[in-house]
Amino acid sequence: MSPRKIGKKLKKVRLSLDLKQADVAGKAGISVNYYARIERDEENPTIETLEKILKVLKVKSSDILPF
């Protein structure tokens, strides 16, 4: 799984919802810095963390994951 595609897609969805990184991070229960690194493809989130982020963004994993 390519984290680059995940980060780029997460950012696109977040921006389309007019949310800040802090909004997503806070609602997902993770730090803003960690979420920012995920979007920049510097971190590969755990499945659990990714599920929390997807719930906040109200998208399905199939919309984000490159399968």
PDB file of N, CA and C in Angstrom:
ATOM      1  N   MET A   1       0.854  -1.170   0.000  1.00  0.00           N
ATOM      2  CA  MET A   1       0.000   0.000   0.000  1.00  0.00           C
ATOM      3  C   MET A   1       0.899   1.232   0.000  1.00  0.00           C
ATOM      4  N   SER A   2       0.643   2.126  -0.871  1.00  0.00           N
ATOM      5  CA  SER A   2       1.453   3.335  -0.984  1.00  0.00           C
ATOM      6  C   SER A   2       0.914   4.441  -0.093  1.00  0.00           C
ATOM      7  N   PRO A   3       1.674   4.821   0.929  1.00  0.00           N
ATOM      8  CA  PRO A   3       1.188   5.874   1.817  1.00  0.00           C
ATOM      9  C   PRO A   3       1.029   7.211   1.102  1.00  0.00           C
ATOM     10  N   ARG A   4       1.776   7.409   0.014  1.00  0.00           N
ATOM     11  CA  ARG A   4       1.669   8.677  -0.711  1.00  0.00           C
ATOM     12  C   ARG A   4       0.251   8.922  -1.200  1.00  0.00           C
ATOM     13  N   LYS A   5      -0.344   7.925  -1.749  1.00  0.00           N
ATOM     14  CA  LYS A   5      -1.701   8.080  -2.250  1.00  0.00           C
ATOM     15  C   LYS A   5      -2.676   8.318  -1.103  1.00  0.00           C
ATOM     16  N   ILE A   6      -2.456   7.680   0.016  1.00  0.00           N
ATOM     17  CA  ILE A   6      -3.348   7.830   1.161  1.00  0.00           C
ATOM     18  C   ILE A   6      -3.309   9.265   1.680  1.00  0.00           C
ATOM     19  N   GLY A   7      -2.129   9.783   1.909  1.00  0.00           N
ATOM     20  CA  GLY A   7      -1.995  11.140   2.431  1.00  0.00           C
ATOM     21  C   GLY A   7      -2.606  12.182   1.525  1.00  0.00           C
ATOM     22  N   LYS A   8      -2.344  12.034   0.243  1.00  0.00           N
ATOM     23  CA  LYS A   8      -2.876  12.983  -0.737  1.00  0.00           C
ATOM     24  C   LYS A   8      -4.400  12.941  -0.768  1.00  0.00           C
ATOM     25  N   LYS A   9      -4.963  11.737  -0.717  1.00  0.00           N
ATOM     26  CA  LYS A   9      -6.420  11.602  -0.737  1.00  0.00           C
ATOM     27  C   LYS A   9      -7.048  12.132   0.543  1.00  0.00           C
ATOM     28  N   LEU A  10      -6.411  11.864   1.689  1.00  0.00           N
ATOM     29  CA  LEU A  10      -6.943  12.379   2.954  1.00  0.00           C
ATOM     30  C   LEU A  10      -6.976  13.903   2.934  1.00  0.00           C
ATOM     31  N   LYS A  11      -5.915  14.501   2.446  1.00  0.00           N
ATOM     32  CA  LYS A  11      -5.852  15.962   2.388  1.00  0.00           C
ATOM     33  C   LYS A  11      -6.935  16.515   1.467  1.00  0.00           C
ATOM     34  N   LYS A  12      -7.130  15.878   0.330  1.00  0.00           N
ATOM     35  CA  LYS A  12      -8.142  16.335  -0.622  1.00  0.00           C
ATOM     36  C   LYS A  12      -9.535  16.300   0.007  1.00  0.00           C
ATOM     37  N   VAL A  13      -9.851  15.216   0.699  1.00  0.00           N
ATOM     38  CA  VAL A  13     -11.158  15.103   1.352  1.00  0.00           C
ATOM     39  C   VAL A  13     -11.290  16.149   2.456  1.00  0.00           C
ATOM     40  N   ARG A  14     -10.257  16.291   3.260  1.00  0.00           N
ATOM     41  CA  ARG A  14     -10.294  17.271   4.362  1.00  0.00           C
ATOM     42  C   ARG A  14     -10.544  18.674   3.833  1.00  0.00           C
ATOM     43  N   LEU A  15      -9.839  19.052   2.787  1.00  0.00           N
ATOM     44  CA  LEU A  15     -10.009  20.389   2.219  1.00  0.00           C
ATOM     45  C   LEU A  15     -11.403  20.569   1.621  1.00  0.00           C
ATOM     46  N   SER A  16     -11.935  19.514   1.031  1.00  0.00           N
ATOM     47  CA  SER A  16     -13.282  19.605   0.445  1.00  0.00           C
ATOM     48  C   SER A  16     -14.342  19.813   1.521  1.00  0.00           C
ATOM     49  N   LEU A  17     -14.048  19.373   2.738  1.00  0.00           N
ATOM     50  CA  LEU A  17     -14.966  19.551   3.866  1.00  0.00           C
ATOM     51  C   LEU A  17     -14.685  20.837   4.634  1.00  0.00           C
ATOM     52  N   ASP A  18     -13.697  21.605   4.161  1.00  0.00           N
ATOM     53  CA  ASP A  18     -13.305  22.863   4.796  1.00  0.00           C
ATOM     54  C   ASP A  18     -12.896  22.653   6.259  1.00  0.00           C
ATOM     55  N   LEU A  19     -12.140  21.581   6.492  1.00  0.00           N
ATOM     56  CA  LEU A  19     -11.642  21.282   7.835  1.00  0.00           C
ATOM     57  C   LEU A  19     -10.157  21.583   7.912  1.00  0.00           C
ATOM     58  N   LYS A  20      -9.712  21.938   9.099  1.00  0.00           N
ATOM     59  CA  LYS A  20      -8.287  22.131   9.346  1.00  0.00           C
ATOM     60  C   LYS A  20      -7.715  20.815   9.846  1.00  0.00           C
ATOM     61  N   GLN A  21      -6.403  20.686   9.744  1.00  0.00           N
ATOM     62  CA  GLN A  21      -5.753  19.480  10.258  1.00  0.00           C
ATOM     63  C   GLN A  21      -6.072  19.291  11.739  1.00  0.00           C
ATOM     64  N   ALA A  22      -6.138  20.382  12.476  1.00  0.00           N
ATOM     65  CA  ALA A  22      -6.434  20.310  13.912  1.00  0.00           C
ATOM     66  C   ALA A  22      -7.835  19.758  14.162  1.00  0.00           C
ATOM     67  N   ASP A  23      -8.782  20.077  13.276  1.00  0.00           N
ATOM     68  CA  ASP A  23     -10.144  19.561  13.427  1.00  0.00           C
ATOM     69  C   ASP A  23     -10.159  18.044  13.310  1.00  0.00           C
ATOM     70  N   VAL A  24      -9.518  17.545  12.279  1.00  0.00           N
ATOM     71  CA  VAL A  24      -9.487  16.098  12.039  1.00  0.00           C
ATOM     72  C   VAL A  24      -8.732  15.393  13.156  1.00  0.00           C
ATOM     73  N   ALA A  25      -7.568  15.918  13.489  1.00  0.00           N
ATOM     74  CA  ALA A  25      -6.745  15.292  14.531  1.00  0.00           C
ATOM     75  C   ALA A  25      -7.485  15.231  15.864  1.00  0.00           C
ATOM     76  N   GLY A  26      -8.095  16.335  16.252  1.00  0.00           N
ATOM     77  CA  GLY A  26      -8.811  16.388  17.526  1.00  0.00           C
ATOM     78  C   GLY A  26      -9.941  15.380  17.591  1.00  0.00           C
ATOM     79  N   LYS A  27     -10.725  15.317  16.534  1.00  0.00           N
ATOM     80  CA  LYS A  27     -11.859  14.390  16.514  1.00  0.00           C
ATOM     81  C   LYS A  27     -11.411  12.937  16.411  1.00  0.00           C
ATOM     82  N   ALA A  28     -10.242  12.707  15.826  1.00  0.00           N
ATOM     83  CA  ALA A  28      -9.715  11.342  15.693  1.00  0.00           C
ATOM     84  C   ALA A  28      -8.901  10.929  16.920  1.00  0.00           C
ATOM     85  N   GLY A  29      -8.642  11.868  17.810  1.00  0.00           N
ATOM     86  CA  GLY A  29      -7.899  11.548  19.025  1.00  0.00           C
ATOM     87  C   GLY A  29      -6.407  11.372  18.810  1.00  0.00           C
ATOM     88  N   ILE A  30      -5.861  12.073  17.819  1.00  0.00           N
ATOM     89  CA  ILE A  30      -4.423  12.011  17.564  1.00  0.00           C
ATOM     90  C   ILE A  30      -3.865  13.432  17.557  1.00  0.00           C
ATOM     91  N   SER A  31      -2.553  13.557  17.618  1.00  0.00           N
ATOM     92  CA  SER A  31      -1.951  14.890  17.632  1.00  0.00           C
ATOM     93  C   SER A  31      -2.001  15.509  16.234  1.00  0.00           C
ATOM     94  N   VAL A  32      -2.018  16.814  16.206  1.00  0.00           N
ATOM     95  CA  VAL A  32      -2.027  17.542  14.936  1.00  0.00           C
ATOM     96  C   VAL A  32      -0.753  17.230  14.161  1.00  0.00           C
ATOM     97  N   ASN A  33       0.373  17.184  14.856  1.00  0.00           N
ATOM     98  CA  ASN A  33       1.640  16.896  14.179  1.00  0.00           C
ATOM     99  C   ASN A  33       1.630  15.518  13.525  1.00  0.00           C
ATOM    100  N   TYR A  34       1.069  14.542  14.214  1.00  0.00           N
ATOM    101  CA  TYR A  34       0.999  13.190  13.657  1.00  0.00           C
ATOM    102  C   TYR A  34       0.099  13.174  12.421  1.00  0.00           C
ATOM    103  N   TYR A  35      -1.050  13.828  12.519  1.00  0.00           N
ATOM    104  CA  TYR A  35      -1.953  13.865  11.365  1.00  0.00           C
ATOM    105  C   TYR A  35      -1.292  14.573  10.180  1.00  0.00           C
ATOM    106  N   ALA A  36      -0.599  15.661  10.452  1.00  0.00           N
ATOM    107  CA  ALA A  36       0.085  16.402   9.379  1.00  0.00           C
ATOM    108  C   ALA A  36       1.129  15.514   8.703  1.00  0.00           C
ATOM    109  N   ARG A  37       1.844  14.713   9.499  1.00  0.00           N
ATOM    110  CA  ARG A  37       2.847  13.812   8.916  1.00  0.00           C
ATOM    111  C   ARG A  37       2.181  12.724   8.062  1.00  0.00           C
ATOM    112  N   ILE A  38       0.996  12.291   8.454  1.00  0.00           N
ATOM    113  CA  ILE A  38       0.261  11.308   7.650  1.00  0.00           C
ATOM    114  C   ILE A  38      -0.089  11.923   6.296  1.00  0.00           C
ATOM    115  N   GLU A  39      -0.591  13.160   6.320  1.00  0.00           N
ATOM    116  CA  GLU A  39      -0.947  13.828   5.062  1.00  0.00           C
ATOM    117  C   GLU A  39       0.272  14.064   4.174  1.00  0.00           C
ATOM    118  N   ARG A  40       1.414  14.298   4.798  1.00  0.00           N
ATOM    119  CA  ARG A  40       2.641  14.542   4.022  1.00  0.00           C
ATOM    120  C   ARG A  40       3.339  13.233   3.651  1.00  0.00           C
ATOM    121  N   ASP A  41       2.704  12.125   3.987  1.00  0.00           N
ATOM    122  CA  ASP A  41       3.240  10.801   3.670  1.00  0.00           C
ATOM    123  C   ASP A  41       4.542  10.486   4.384  1.00  0.00           C
ATOM    124  N   GLU A  42       4.709  11.079   5.531  1.00  0.00           N
ATOM    125  CA  GLU A  42       5.894  10.792   6.349  1.00  0.00           C
ATOM    126  C   GLU A  42       5.590   9.713   7.383  1.00  0.00           C
ATOM    127  N   GLU A  43       4.315   9.418   7.593  1.00  0.00           N
ATOM    128  CA  GLU A  43       3.886   8.398   8.547  1.00  0.00           C
ATOM    129  C   GLU A  43       2.907   7.463   7.858  1.00  0.00           C
ATOM    130  N   ASN A  44       2.949   6.226   8.264  1.00  0.00           N
ATOM    131  CA  ASN A  44       2.004   5.236   7.784  1.00  0.00           C
ATOM    132  C   ASN A  44       1.105   4.883   8.972  1.00  0.00           C
ATOM    133  N   PRO A  45      -0.141   5.370   8.999  1.00  0.00           N
ATOM    134  CA  PRO A  45      -0.985   5.157  10.174  1.00  0.00           C
ATOM    135  C   PRO A  45      -1.380   3.694  10.353  1.00  0.00           C
ATOM    136  N   THR A  46      -1.664   3.340  11.591  1.00  0.00           N
ATOM    137  CA  THR A  46      -2.188   2.004  11.865  1.00  0.00           C
ATOM    138  C   THR A  46      -3.603   1.933  11.295  1.00  0.00           C
ATOM    139  N   ILE A  47      -4.096   0.734  11.145  1.00  0.00           N
ATOM    140  CA  ILE A  47      -5.471   0.548  10.654  1.00  0.00           C
ATOM    141  C   ILE A  47      -6.451   1.240  11.597  1.00  0.00           C
ATOM    142  N   GLU A  48      -6.218   1.106  12.889  1.00  0.00           N
ATOM    143  CA  GLU A  48      -7.106   1.712  13.888  1.00  0.00           C
ATOM    144  C   GLU A  48      -7.143   3.239  13.729  1.00  0.00           C
ATOM    145  N   THR A  49      -5.978   3.837  13.585  1.00  0.00           N
ATOM    146  CA  THR A  49      -5.898   5.288  13.419  1.00  0.00           C
ATOM    147  C   THR A  49      -6.542   5.713  12.110  1.00  0.00           C
ATOM    148  N   LEU A  50      -6.290   4.979  11.063  1.00  0.00           N
ATOM    149  CA  LEU A  50      -6.876   5.305   9.771  1.00  0.00           C
ATOM    150  C   LEU A  50      -8.400   5.224   9.837  1.00  0.00           C
ATOM    151  N   GLU A  51      -8.921   4.232  10.528  1.00  0.00           N
ATOM    152  CA  GLU A  51     -10.373   4.101  10.682  1.00  0.00           C
ATOM    153  C   GLU A  51     -10.959   5.321  11.392  1.00  0.00           C
ATOM    154  N   LYS A  52     -10.273   5.813  12.415  1.00  0.00           N
ATOM    155  CA  LYS A  52     -10.747   6.996  13.138  1.00  0.00           C
ATOM    156  C   LYS A  52     -10.761   8.222  12.225  1.00  0.00           C
ATOM    157  N   ILE A  53      -9.708   8.372  11.444  1.00  0.00           N
ATOM    158  CA  ILE A  53      -9.624   9.510  10.517  1.00  0.00           C
ATOM    159  C   ILE A  53     -10.735   9.426   9.479  1.00  0.00           C
ATOM    160  N   LEU A  54     -10.945   8.241   8.927  1.00  0.00           N
ATOM    161  CA  LEU A  54     -11.981   8.062   7.909  1.00  0.00           C
ATOM    162  C   LEU A  54     -13.366   8.349   8.472  1.00  0.00           C
ATOM    163  N   LYS A  55     -13.575   7.991   9.719  1.00  0.00           N
ATOM    164  CA  LYS A  55     -14.863   8.263  10.368  1.00  0.00           C
ATOM    165  C   LYS A  55     -15.081   9.774  10.482  1.00  0.00           C
ATOM    166  N   VAL A  56     -14.037  10.490  10.876  1.00  0.00           N
ATOM    167  CA  VAL A  56     -14.129  11.947  10.985  1.00  0.00           C
ATOM    168  C   VAL A  56     -14.431  12.565   9.620  1.00  0.00           C
ATOM    169  N   LEU A  57     -13.766  12.072   8.590  1.00  0.00           N
ATOM    170  CA  LEU A  57     -13.937  12.616   7.241  1.00  0.00           C
ATOM    171  C   LEU A  57     -15.183  12.070   6.538  1.00  0.00           C
ATOM    172  N   LYS A  58     -15.833  11.090   7.156  1.00  0.00           N
ATOM    173  CA  LYS A  58     -17.061  10.485   6.627  1.00  0.00           C
ATOM    174  C   LYS A  58     -16.861   9.890   5.228  1.00  0.00           C
ATOM    175  N   VAL A  59     -15.771   9.135   5.091  1.00  0.00           N
ATOM    176  CA  VAL A  59     -15.501   8.435   3.835  1.00  0.00           C
ATOM    177  C   VAL A  59     -15.237   6.957   4.124  1.00  0.00           C
ATOM    178  N   LYS A  60     -15.418   6.146   3.102  1.00  0.00           N
ATOM    179  CA  LYS A  60     -15.155   4.719   3.233  1.00  0.00           C
ATOM    180  C   LYS A  60     -13.688   4.452   2.924  1.00  0.00           C
ATOM    181  N   SER A  61     -13.177   3.393   3.488  1.00  0.00           N
ATOM    182  CA  SER A  61     -11.778   3.031   3.235  1.00  0.00           C
ATOM    183  C   SER A  61     -11.543   2.789   1.746  1.00  0.00           C
ATOM    184  N   SER A  62     -12.556   2.289   1.046  1.00  0.00           N
ATOM    185  CA  SER A  62     -12.388   2.029  -0.392  1.00  0.00           C
ATOM    186  C   SER A  62     -12.193   3.323  -1.196  1.00  0.00           C
ATOM    187  N   ASP A  63     -12.598   4.466  -0.622  1.00  0.00           N
ATOM    188  CA  ASP A  63     -12.393   5.749  -1.287  1.00  0.00           C
ATOM    189  C   ASP A  63     -10.954   6.252  -1.135  1.00  0.00           C
ATOM    190  N   ILE A  64     -10.247   5.730  -0.152  1.00  0.00           N
ATOM    191  CA  ILE A  64      -8.911   6.206   0.189  1.00  0.00           C
ATOM    192  C   ILE A  64      -7.815   5.205  -0.154  1.00  0.00           C
ATOM    193  N   LEU A  65      -8.050   3.956   0.184  1.00  0.00           N
ATOM    194  CA  LEU A  65      -7.011   2.934   0.012  1.00  0.00           C
ATOM    195  C   LEU A  65      -6.868   2.521  -1.449  1.00  0.00           C
ATOM    196  N   PRO A  66      -5.635   2.378  -1.892  1.00  0.00           N
ATOM    197  CA  PRO A  66      -5.380   2.058  -3.307  1.00  0.00           C
ATOM    198  C   PRO A  66      -5.477   0.571  -3.624  1.00  0.00           C
ATOM    199  N   PHE A  67      -6.651   0.001  -3.499  1.00  0.00           N
ATOM    200  CA  PHE A  67      -6.814  -1.424  -3.817  1.00  0.00           C
ATOM    201  C   PHE A  67      -7.552  -1.592  -5.115  1.00  0.00           C
TER     202      PHE A  67
END
